[in-house]
């Protein structure tokens, strides 16, 4: 008898709920310190996960969740770029 394949779970840094890894967007801090969205989940670096929802990004920004996850200050333009990337992905 085959066991069902285990689906990896991750916690959204915005709403703090556990969801399937595939349903979340990975925010990655590269070894060079660059922060970007990773829709493939394959970029190298430290990752944190967000729901594909602008409200979760806003909540994570307010609570400084990404700063804690990456142990670094995140400039406002990075958040704006993340929001633009998220909106662009929603349109696609």
PDB file of N, CA and C in Angstrom:
ATOM      1  N   UNK A   1       0.843  -1.188   0.000  1.00  0.00           N
ATOM      2  CA  UNK A   1       0.000   0.000   0.000  1.00  0.00           C
ATOM      3  C   UNK A   1       0.886   1.249   0.000  1.00  0.00           C
ATOM      4  N   UNK A   2       0.593   2.189  -0.894  1.00  0.00           N
ATOM      5  CA  UNK A   2       1.368   3.422  -0.981  1.00  0.00           C
ATOM      6  C   UNK A   2       0.870   4.454   0.025  1.00  0.00           C
ATOM      7  N   UNK A   3       1.826   5.128   0.641  1.00  0.00           N
ATOM      8  CA  UNK A   3       1.453   6.215   1.553  1.00  0.00           C
ATOM      9  C   UNK A   3       1.229   7.472   0.731  1.00  0.00           C
ATOM     10  N   UNK A   4       0.243   8.288   1.094  1.00  0.00           N
ATOM     11  CA  UNK A   4       0.056   9.533   0.352  1.00  0.00           C
ATOM     12  C   UNK A   4       1.272  10.445   0.532  1.00  0.00           C
ATOM     13  N   UNK A   5       1.614  11.150  -0.535  1.00  0.00           N
ATOM     14  CA  UNK A   5       2.785  12.012  -0.492  1.00  0.00           C
ATOM     15  C   UNK A   5       2.542  13.162   0.484  1.00  0.00           C
ATOM     16  N   UNK A   6       3.526  13.420   1.330  1.00  0.00           N
ATOM     17  CA  UNK A   6       3.411  14.483   2.323  1.00  0.00           C
ATOM     18  C   UNK A   6       3.577  15.836   1.633  1.00  0.00           C
ATOM     19  N   UNK A   7       2.647  16.754   1.879  1.00  0.00           N
ATOM     20  CA  UNK A   7       2.717  18.092   1.304  1.00  0.00           C
ATOM     21  C   UNK A   7       3.366  19.008   2.327  1.00  0.00           C
ATOM     22  N   UNK A   8       4.501  19.650   1.945  1.00  0.00           N
ATOM     23  CA  UNK A   8       5.174  20.517   2.917  1.00  0.00           C
ATOM     24  C   UNK A   8       4.319  21.716   3.304  1.00  0.00           C
ATOM     25  N   UNK A   9       4.351  22.048   4.582  1.00  0.00           N
ATOM     26  CA  UNK A   9       3.591  23.178   5.115  1.00  0.00           C
ATOM     27  C   UNK A   9       4.549  24.287   5.526  1.00  0.00           C
ATOM     28  N   UNK A  10       4.147  25.536   5.325  1.00  0.00           N
ATOM     29  CA  UNK A  10       4.929  26.688   5.756  1.00  0.00           C
ATOM     30  C   UNK A  10       3.984  27.692   6.400  1.00  0.00           C
ATOM     31  N   UNK A  11       4.553  28.547   7.244  1.00  0.00           N
ATOM     32  CA  UNK A  11       3.744  29.549   7.936  1.00  0.00           C
ATOM     33  C   UNK A  11       3.900  30.899   7.245  1.00  0.00           C
ATOM     34  N   UNK A  12       2.779  31.544   6.951  1.00  0.00           N
ATOM     35  CA  UNK A  12       2.792  32.887   6.369  1.00  0.00           C
ATOM     36  C   UNK A  12       3.266  33.861   7.441  1.00  0.00           C
ATOM     37  N   UNK A  13       4.253  34.712   7.107  1.00  0.00           N
ATOM     38  CA  UNK A  13       4.768  35.652   8.099  1.00  0.00           C
ATOM     39  C   UNK A  13       3.785  36.801   8.340  1.00  0.00           C
ATOM     40  N   UNK A  14       2.760  36.936   7.478  1.00  0.00           N
ATOM     41  CA  UNK A  14       1.754  37.988   7.654  1.00  0.00           C
ATOM     42  C   UNK A  14       0.646  37.556   8.599  1.00  0.00           C
ATOM     43  N   UNK A  15      -0.091  36.511   8.206  1.00  0.00           N
ATOM     44  CA  UNK A  15      -1.258  36.087   9.000  1.00  0.00           C
ATOM     45  C   UNK A  15      -0.945  34.946   9.968  1.00  0.00           C
ATOM     46  N   UNK A  16       0.288  34.404   9.907  1.00  0.00           N
ATOM     47  CA  UNK A  16       0.772  33.355  10.817  1.00  0.00           C
ATOM     48  C   UNK A  16      -0.011  32.044  10.709  1.00  0.00           C
ATOM     49  N   UNK A  17      -0.666  31.781   9.571  1.00  0.00           N
ATOM     50  CA  UNK A  17      -1.377  30.511   9.405  1.00  0.00           C
ATOM     51  C   UNK A  17      -0.518  29.546   8.603  1.00  0.00           C
ATOM     52  N   UNK A  18      -0.654  28.253   8.910  1.00  0.00           N
ATOM     53  CA  UNK A  18       0.071  27.207   8.188  1.00  0.00           C
ATOM     54  C   UNK A  18      -0.715  26.877   6.919  1.00  0.00           C
ATOM     55  N   UNK A  19      -0.003  26.863   5.798  1.00  0.00           N
ATOM     56  CA  UNK A  19      -0.635  26.541   4.521  1.00  0.00           C
ATOM     57  C   UNK A  19       0.320  25.673   3.711  1.00  0.00           C
ATOM     58  N   UNK A  20      -0.210  25.095   2.640  1.00  0.00           N
ATOM     59  CA  UNK A  20       0.638  24.323   1.746  1.00  0.00           C
ATOM     60  C   UNK A  20       1.687  25.234   1.135  1.00  0.00           C
ATOM     61  N   UNK A  21       2.909  24.736   1.056  1.00  0.00           N
ATOM     62  CA  UNK A  21       4.029  25.522   0.539  1.00  0.00           C
ATOM     63  C   UNK A  21       3.731  26.063  -0.862  1.00  0.00           C
ATOM     64  N   UNK A  22       3.045  25.246  -1.689  1.00  0.00           N
ATOM     65  CA  UNK A  22       2.745  25.658  -3.063  1.00  0.00           C
ATOM     66  C   UNK A  22       1.786  26.846  -3.128  1.00  0.00           C
ATOM     67  N   UNK A  23       0.978  27.045  -2.086  1.00  0.00           N
ATOM     68  CA  UNK A  23      -0.020  28.119  -2.079  1.00  0.00           C
ATOM     69  C   UNK A  23       0.556  29.449  -1.622  1.00  0.00           C
ATOM     70  N   UNK A  24       1.818  29.452  -1.186  1.00  0.00           N
ATOM     71  CA  UNK A  24       2.433  30.666  -0.660  1.00  0.00           C
ATOM     72  C   UNK A  24       3.501  31.192  -1.615  1.00  0.00           C
ATOM     73  N   UNK A  25       3.834  32.467  -1.479  1.00  0.00           N
ATOM     74  CA  UNK A  25       4.905  33.084  -2.252  1.00  0.00           C
ATOM     75  C   UNK A  25       6.131  33.158  -1.352  1.00  0.00           C
ATOM     76  N   UNK A  26       7.266  32.746  -1.883  1.00  0.00           N
ATOM     77  CA  UNK A  26       8.513  32.775  -1.109  1.00  0.00           C
ATOM     78  C   UNK A  26       9.190  34.124  -1.319  1.00  0.00           C
ATOM     79  N   UNK A  27       9.523  34.769  -0.216  1.00  0.00           N
ATOM     80  CA  UNK A  27      10.337  35.981  -0.254  1.00  0.00           C
ATOM     81  C   UNK A  27      11.734  35.510   0.110  1.00  0.00           C
ATOM     82  N   UNK A  28      12.721  35.846  -0.719  1.00  0.00           N
ATOM     83  CA  UNK A  28      14.062  35.310  -0.508  1.00  0.00           C
ATOM     84  C   UNK A  28      15.087  36.422  -0.341  1.00  0.00           C
ATOM     85  N   UNK A  29      16.011  36.204   0.590  1.00  0.00           N
ATOM     86  CA  UNK A  29      17.153  37.098   0.756  1.00  0.00           C
ATOM     87  C   UNK A  29      18.355  36.349   0.217  1.00  0.00           C
ATOM     88  N   UNK A  30      18.897  36.850  -0.885  1.00  0.00           N
ATOM     89  CA  UNK A  30      20.027  36.176  -1.529  1.00  0.00           C
ATOM     90  C   UNK A  30      21.280  36.319  -0.670  1.00  0.00           C
ATOM     91  N   UNK A  31      22.304  35.505  -0.940  1.00  0.00           N
ATOM     92  CA  UNK A  31      23.561  35.640  -0.187  1.00  0.00           C
ATOM     93  C   UNK A  31      24.176  37.043  -0.302  1.00  0.00           C
ATOM     94  N   UNK A  32      23.826  37.766  -1.383  1.00  0.00           N
ATOM     95  CA  UNK A  32      24.331  39.138  -1.547  1.00  0.00           C
ATOM     96  C   UNK A  32      23.499  40.150  -0.758  1.00  0.00           C
ATOM     97  N   UNK A  33      22.386  39.710  -0.162  1.00  0.00           N
ATOM     98  CA  UNK A  33      21.558  40.594   0.641  1.00  0.00           C
ATOM     99  C   UNK A  33      20.379  41.182  -0.111  1.00  0.00           C
ATOM    100  N   UNK A  34      20.178  40.776  -1.370  1.00  0.00           N
ATOM    101  CA  UNK A  34      19.066  41.288  -2.176  1.00  0.00           C
ATOM    102  C   UNK A  34      17.788  40.548  -1.804  1.00  0.00           C
ATOM    103  N   UNK A  35      16.688  41.292  -1.642  1.00  0.00           N
ATOM    104  CA  UNK A  35      15.409  40.683  -1.262  1.00  0.00           C
ATOM    105  C   UNK A  35      14.462  40.748  -2.445  1.00  0.00           C
ATOM    106  N   UNK A  36      13.868  39.600  -2.801  1.00  0.00           N
ATOM    107  CA  UNK A  36      12.956  39.552  -3.942  1.00  0.00           C
ATOM    108  C   UNK A  36      11.937  38.434  -3.734  1.00  0.00           C
ATOM    109  N   UNK A  37      10.912  38.423  -4.593  1.00  0.00           N
ATOM    110  CA  UNK A  37       9.925  37.355  -4.565  1.00  0.00           C
ATOM    111  C   UNK A  37      10.431  36.198  -5.416  1.00  0.00           C
ATOM    112  N   UNK A  38      10.185  34.994  -4.945  1.00  0.00           N
ATOM    113  CA  UNK A  38      10.617  33.797  -5.654  1.00  0.00           C
ATOM    114  C   UNK A  38       9.382  32.938  -5.915  1.00  0.00           C
ATOM    115  N   UNK A  39       8.865  33.019  -7.144  1.00  0.00           N
ATOM    116  CA  UNK A  39       7.648  32.272  -7.469  1.00  0.00           C
ATOM    117  C   UNK A  39       7.940  30.801  -7.754  1.00  0.00           C
ATOM    118  N   UNK A  40       9.215  30.469  -8.064  1.00  0.00           N
ATOM    119  CA  UNK A  40       9.574  29.081  -8.367  1.00  0.00           C
ATOM    120  C   UNK A  40       9.946  28.301  -7.114  1.00  0.00           C
ATOM    121  N   UNK A  41      10.403  29.016  -6.072  1.00  0.00           N
ATOM    122  CA  UNK A  41      10.846  28.341  -4.846  1.00  0.00           C
ATOM    123  C   UNK A  41      12.231  27.735  -4.995  1.00  0.00           C
ATOM    124  N   UNK A  42      12.959  28.132  -6.038  1.00  0.00           N
ATOM    125  CA  UNK A  42      14.250  27.524  -6.322  1.00  0.00           C
ATOM    126  C   UNK A  42      15.445  28.462  -6.113  1.00  0.00           C
ATOM    127  N   UNK A  43      15.200  29.753  -5.902  1.00  0.00           N
ATOM    128  CA  UNK A  43      16.317  30.693  -5.727  1.00  0.00           C
ATOM    129  C   UNK A  43      17.089  30.343  -4.468  1.00  0.00           C
ATOM    130  N   UNK A  44      18.406  30.573  -4.510  1.00  0.00           N
ATOM    131  CA  UNK A  44      19.202  30.270  -3.325  1.00  0.00           C
ATOM    132  C   UNK A  44      19.111  31.436  -2.347  1.00  0.00           C
ATOM    133  N   UNK A  45      19.176  31.114  -1.070  1.00  0.00           N
ATOM    134  CA  UNK A  45      19.108  32.132  -0.030  1.00  0.00           C
ATOM    135  C   UNK A  45      18.098  31.768   1.033  1.00  0.00           C
ATOM    136  N   UNK A  46      17.968  32.644   1.997  1.00  0.00           N
ATOM    137  CA  UNK A  46      17.046  32.453   3.113  1.00  0.00           C
ATOM    138  C   UNK A  46      15.643  32.813   2.668  1.00  0.00           C
ATOM    139  N   UNK A  47      14.681  31.982   2.990  1.00  0.00           N
ATOM    140  CA  UNK A  47      13.311  32.213   2.544  1.00  0.00           C
ATOM    141  C   UNK A  47      12.333  32.450   3.682  1.00  0.00           C
ATOM    142  N   UNK A  48      11.324  33.250   3.381  1.00  0.00           N
ATOM    143  CA  UNK A  48      10.174  33.443   4.267  1.00  0.00           C
ATOM    144  C   UNK A  48       8.950  33.379   3.363  1.00  0.00           C
ATOM    145  N   UNK A  49       7.831  32.994   3.892  1.00  0.00           N
ATOM    146  CA  UNK A  49       6.655  32.760   3.051  1.00  0.00           C
ATOM    147  C   UNK A  49       5.528  33.723   3.373  1.00  0.00           C
ATOM    148  N   UNK A  50       4.812  34.136   2.310  1.00  0.00           N
ATOM    149  CA  UNK A  50       3.672  35.044   2.421  1.00  0.00           C
ATOM    150  C   UNK A  50       2.511  34.512   1.593  1.00  0.00           C
ATOM    151  N   UNK A  51       1.284  34.748   2.060  1.00  0.00           N
ATOM    152  CA  UNK A  51       0.111  34.459   1.245  1.00  0.00           C
ATOM    153  C   UNK A  51       0.149  35.399   0.037  1.00  0.00           C
ATOM    154  N   UNK A  52      -0.398  34.969  -1.103  1.00  0.00           N
ATOM    155  CA  UNK A  52      -0.413  35.863  -2.274  1.00  0.00           C
ATOM    156  C   UNK A  52      -1.505  36.917  -2.116  1.00  0.00           C
ATOM    157  N   UNK A  53      -1.406  37.685  -1.057  1.00  0.00           N
ATOM    158  CA  UNK A  53      -2.445  38.631  -0.675  1.00  0.00           C
ATOM    159  C   UNK A  53      -1.773  39.901  -0.165  1.00  0.00           C
ATOM    160  N   UNK A  54      -2.160  41.040  -0.716  1.00  0.00           N
ATOM    161  CA  UNK A  54      -1.554  42.314  -0.325  1.00  0.00           C
ATOM    162  C   UNK A  54      -1.775  42.599   1.167  1.00  0.00           C
ATOM    163  N   UNK A  55      -2.889  42.115   1.725  1.00  0.00           N
ATOM    164  CA  UNK A  55      -3.178  42.345   3.143  1.00  0.00           C
ATOM    165  C   UNK A  55      -2.143  41.649   4.028  1.00  0.00           C
ATOM    166  N   UNK A  56      -1.701  40.460   3.624  1.00  0.00           N
ATOM    167  CA  UNK A  56      -0.681  39.741   4.398  1.00  0.00           C
ATOM    168  C   UNK A  56       0.658  40.457   4.310  1.00  0.00           C
ATOM    169  N   UNK A  57       0.967  41.009   3.138  1.00  0.00           N
ATOM    170  CA  UNK A  57       2.209  41.767   2.986  1.00  0.00           C
ATOM    171  C   UNK A  57       2.170  42.999   3.875  1.00  0.00           C
ATOM    172  N   UNK A  58       1.024  43.667   3.914  1.00  0.00           N
ATOM    173  CA  UNK A  58       0.856  44.858   4.754  1.00  0.00           C
ATOM    174  C   UNK A  58       1.012  44.498   6.232  1.00  0.00           C
ATOM    175  N   UNK A  59       0.395  43.377   6.628  1.00  0.00           N
ATOM    176  CA  UNK A  59       0.479  42.928   8.021  1.00  0.00           C
ATOM    177  C   UNK A  59       1.926  42.573   8.391  1.00  0.00           C
ATOM    178  N   UNK A  60       2.623  41.899   7.460  1.00  0.00           N
ATOM    179  CA  UNK A  60       4.016  41.527   7.705  1.00  0.00           C
ATOM    180  C   UNK A  60       4.891  42.773   7.813  1.00  0.00           C
ATOM    181  N   UNK A  61       4.572  43.789   7.009  1.00  0.00           N
ATOM    182  CA  UNK A  61       5.344  45.041   7.048  1.00  0.00           C
ATOM    183  C   UNK A  61       5.134  45.755   8.379  1.00  0.00           C
ATOM    184  N   UNK A  62       3.873  45.799   8.826  1.00  0.00           N
ATOM    185  CA  UNK A  62       3.540  46.471  10.091  1.00  0.00           C
ATOM    186  C   UNK A  62       4.207  45.796  11.280  1.00  0.00           C
ATOM    187  N   UNK A  63       4.202  44.464  11.267  1.00  0.00           N
ATOM    188  CA  UNK A  63       4.760  43.696  12.388  1.00  0.00           C
ATOM    189  C   UNK A  63       6.268  43.483  12.250  1.00  0.00           C
ATOM    190  N   UNK A  64       6.847  43.963  11.149  1.00  0.00           N
ATOM    191  CA  UNK A  64       8.281  43.796  10.863  1.00  0.00           C
ATOM    192  C   UNK A  64       8.676  42.316  10.841  1.00  0.00           C
ATOM    193  N   UNK A  65       7.772  41.467  10.348  1.00  0.00           N
ATOM    194  CA  UNK A  65       8.022  40.022  10.304  1.00  0.00           C
ATOM    195  C   UNK A  65       9.167  39.659   9.375  1.00  0.00           C
ATOM    196  N   UNK A  66       9.242  40.326   8.215  1.00  0.00           N
ATOM    197  CA  UNK A  66      10.324  40.007   7.279  1.00  0.00           C
ATOM    198  C   UNK A  66      11.671  40.461   7.830  1.00  0.00           C
ATOM    199  N   UNK A  67      11.689  41.600   8.532  1.00  0.00           N
ATOM    200  CA  UNK A  67      12.931  42.065   9.158  1.00  0.00           C
ATOM    201  C   UNK A  67      13.452  41.019  10.137  1.00  0.00           C
ATOM    202  N   UNK A  68      12.534  40.447  10.929  1.00  0.00           N
ATOM    203  CA  UNK A  68      12.928  39.424  11.895  1.00  0.00           C
ATOM    204  C   UNK A  68      13.383  38.150  11.185  1.00  0.00           C
ATOM    205  N   UNK A  69      12.666  37.770  10.138  1.00  0.00           N
ATOM    206  CA  UNK A  69      12.999  36.538   9.417  1.00  0.00           C
ATOM    207  C   UNK A  69      14.385  36.630   8.773  1.00  0.00           C
ATOM    208  N   UNK A  70      14.719  37.803   8.246  1.00  0.00           N
ATOM    209  CA  UNK A  70      15.998  37.967   7.547  1.00  0.00           C
ATOM    210  C   UNK A  70      17.060  38.650   8.396  1.00  0.00           C
ATOM    211  N   UNK A  71      16.696  39.065   9.601  1.00  0.00           N
ATOM    212  CA  UNK A  71      17.630  39.709  10.525  1.00  0.00           C
ATOM    213  C   UNK A  71      18.328  40.915   9.886  1.00  0.00           C
ATOM    214  N   UNK A  72      17.538  41.749   9.185  1.00  0.00           N
ATOM    215  CA  UNK A  72      18.086  42.930   8.529  1.00  0.00           C
ATOM    216  C   UNK A  72      16.993  43.978   8.350  1.00  0.00           C
ATOM    217  N   UNK A  73      17.391  45.235   8.186  1.00  0.00           N
ATOM    218  CA  UNK A  73      16.433  46.302   7.885  1.00  0.00           C
ATOM    219  C   UNK A  73      15.997  46.166   6.426  1.00  0.00           C
ATOM    220  N   UNK A  74      14.708  46.389   6.176  1.00  0.00           N
ATOM    221  CA  UNK A  74      14.208  46.308   4.805  1.00  0.00           C
ATOM    222  C   UNK A  74      13.691  47.688   4.404  1.00  0.00           C
ATOM    223  N   UNK A  75      14.308  48.308   3.380  1.00  0.00           N
ATOM    224  CA  UNK A  75      13.874  49.640   2.951  1.00  0.00           C
ATOM    225  C   UNK A  75      12.461  49.640   2.374  1.00  0.00           C
ATOM    226  N   UNK A  76      11.793  50.793   2.435  1.00  0.00           N
ATOM    227  CA  UNK A  76      10.415  50.918   1.950  1.00  0.00           C
ATOM    228  C   UNK A  76      10.295  50.557   0.477  1.00  0.00           C
ATOM    229  N   UNK A  77      11.325  50.891  -0.330  1.00  0.00           N
ATOM    230  CA  UNK A  77      11.232  50.588  -1.763  1.00  0.00           C
ATOM    231  C   UNK A  77      11.220  49.087  -2.031  1.00  0.00           C
ATOM    232  N   UNK A  78      11.804  48.314  -1.137  1.00  0.00           N
ATOM    233  CA  UNK A  78      11.752  46.850  -1.293  1.00  0.00           C
ATOM    234  C   UNK A  78      10.321  46.365  -1.095  1.00  0.00           C
ATOM    235  N   UNK A  79       9.636  46.901  -0.076  1.00  0.00           N
ATOM    236  CA  UNK A  79       8.230  46.535   0.146  1.00  0.00           C
ATOM    237  C   UNK A  79       7.379  46.949  -1.041  1.00  0.00           C
ATOM    238  N   UNK A  80       7.652  48.136  -1.601  1.00  0.00           N
ATOM    239  CA  UNK A  80       6.885  48.604  -2.756  1.00  0.00           C
ATOM    240  C   UNK A  80       7.118  47.688  -3.949  1.00  0.00           C
ATOM    241  N   UNK A  81       8.372  47.260  -4.144  1.00  0.00           N
ATOM    242  CA  UNK A  81       8.690  46.342  -5.240  1.00  0.00           C
ATOM    243  C   UNK A  81       8.001  44.998  -5.028  1.00  0.00           C
ATOM    244  N   UNK A  82       7.977  44.514  -3.783  1.00  0.00           N
ATOM    245  CA  UNK A  82       7.309  43.249  -3.478  1.00  0.00           C
ATOM    246  C   UNK A  82       5.815  43.356  -3.787  1.00  0.00           C
ATOM    247  N   UNK A  83       5.210  44.493  -3.415  1.00  0.00           N
ATOM    248  CA  UNK A  83       3.786  44.688  -3.669  1.00  0.00           C
ATOM    249  C   UNK A  83       3.517  44.747  -5.168  1.00  0.00           C
ATOM    250  N   UNK A  84       4.383  45.444  -5.920  1.00  0.00           N
ATOM    251  CA  UNK A  84       4.207  45.527  -7.372  1.00  0.00           C
ATOM    252  C   UNK A  84       4.351  44.150  -8.009  1.00  0.00           C
ATOM    253  N   UNK A  85       5.336  43.361  -7.547  1.00  0.00           N
ATOM    254  CA  UNK A  85       5.537  42.012  -8.080  1.00  0.00           C
ATOM    255  C   UNK A  85       4.316  41.147  -7.775  1.00  0.00           C
ATOM    256  N   UNK A  86       3.752  41.316  -6.575  1.00  0.00           N
ATOM    257  CA  UNK A  86       2.587  40.531  -6.164  1.00  0.00           C
ATOM    258  C   UNK A  86       1.382  40.893  -7.031  1.00  0.00           C
ATOM    259  N   UNK A  87       1.174  42.199  -7.257  1.00  0.00           N
ATOM    260  CA  UNK A  87       0.039  42.635  -8.094  1.00  0.00           C
ATOM    261  C   UNK A  87       0.212  42.157  -9.530  1.00  0.00           C
ATOM    262  N   UNK A  88       1.462  42.208 -10.016  1.00  0.00           N
ATOM    263  CA  UNK A  88       1.740  41.753 -11.393  1.00  0.00           C
ATOM    264  C   UNK A  88       1.452  40.261 -11.522  1.00  0.00           C
ATOM    265  N   UNK A  89       1.816  39.492 -10.512  1.00  0.00           N
ATOM    266  CA  UNK A  89       1.580  38.053 -10.539  1.00  0.00           C
ATOM    267  C   UNK A  89       0.083  37.752 -10.470  1.00  0.00           C
ATOM    268  N   UNK A  90      -0.661  38.568  -9.743  1.00  0.00           N
ATOM    269  CA  UNK A  90      -2.114  38.369  -9.647  1.00  0.00           C
ATOM    270  C   UNK A  90      -2.791  38.649 -10.977  1.00  0.00           C
ATOM    271  N   UNK A  91      -2.235  39.603 -11.745  1.00  0.00           N
ATOM    272  CA  UNK A  91      -2.800  39.942 -13.057  1.00  0.00           C
ATOM    273  C   UNK A  91      -2.498  38.866 -14.094  1.00  0.00           C
ATOM    274  N   UNK A  92      -1.378  38.190 -13.919  1.00  0.00           N
ATOM    275  CA  UNK A  92      -0.935  37.200 -14.921  1.00  0.00           C
ATOM    276  C   UNK A  92      -1.766  35.924 -14.887  1.00  0.00           C
TER     277      UNK A  92
END
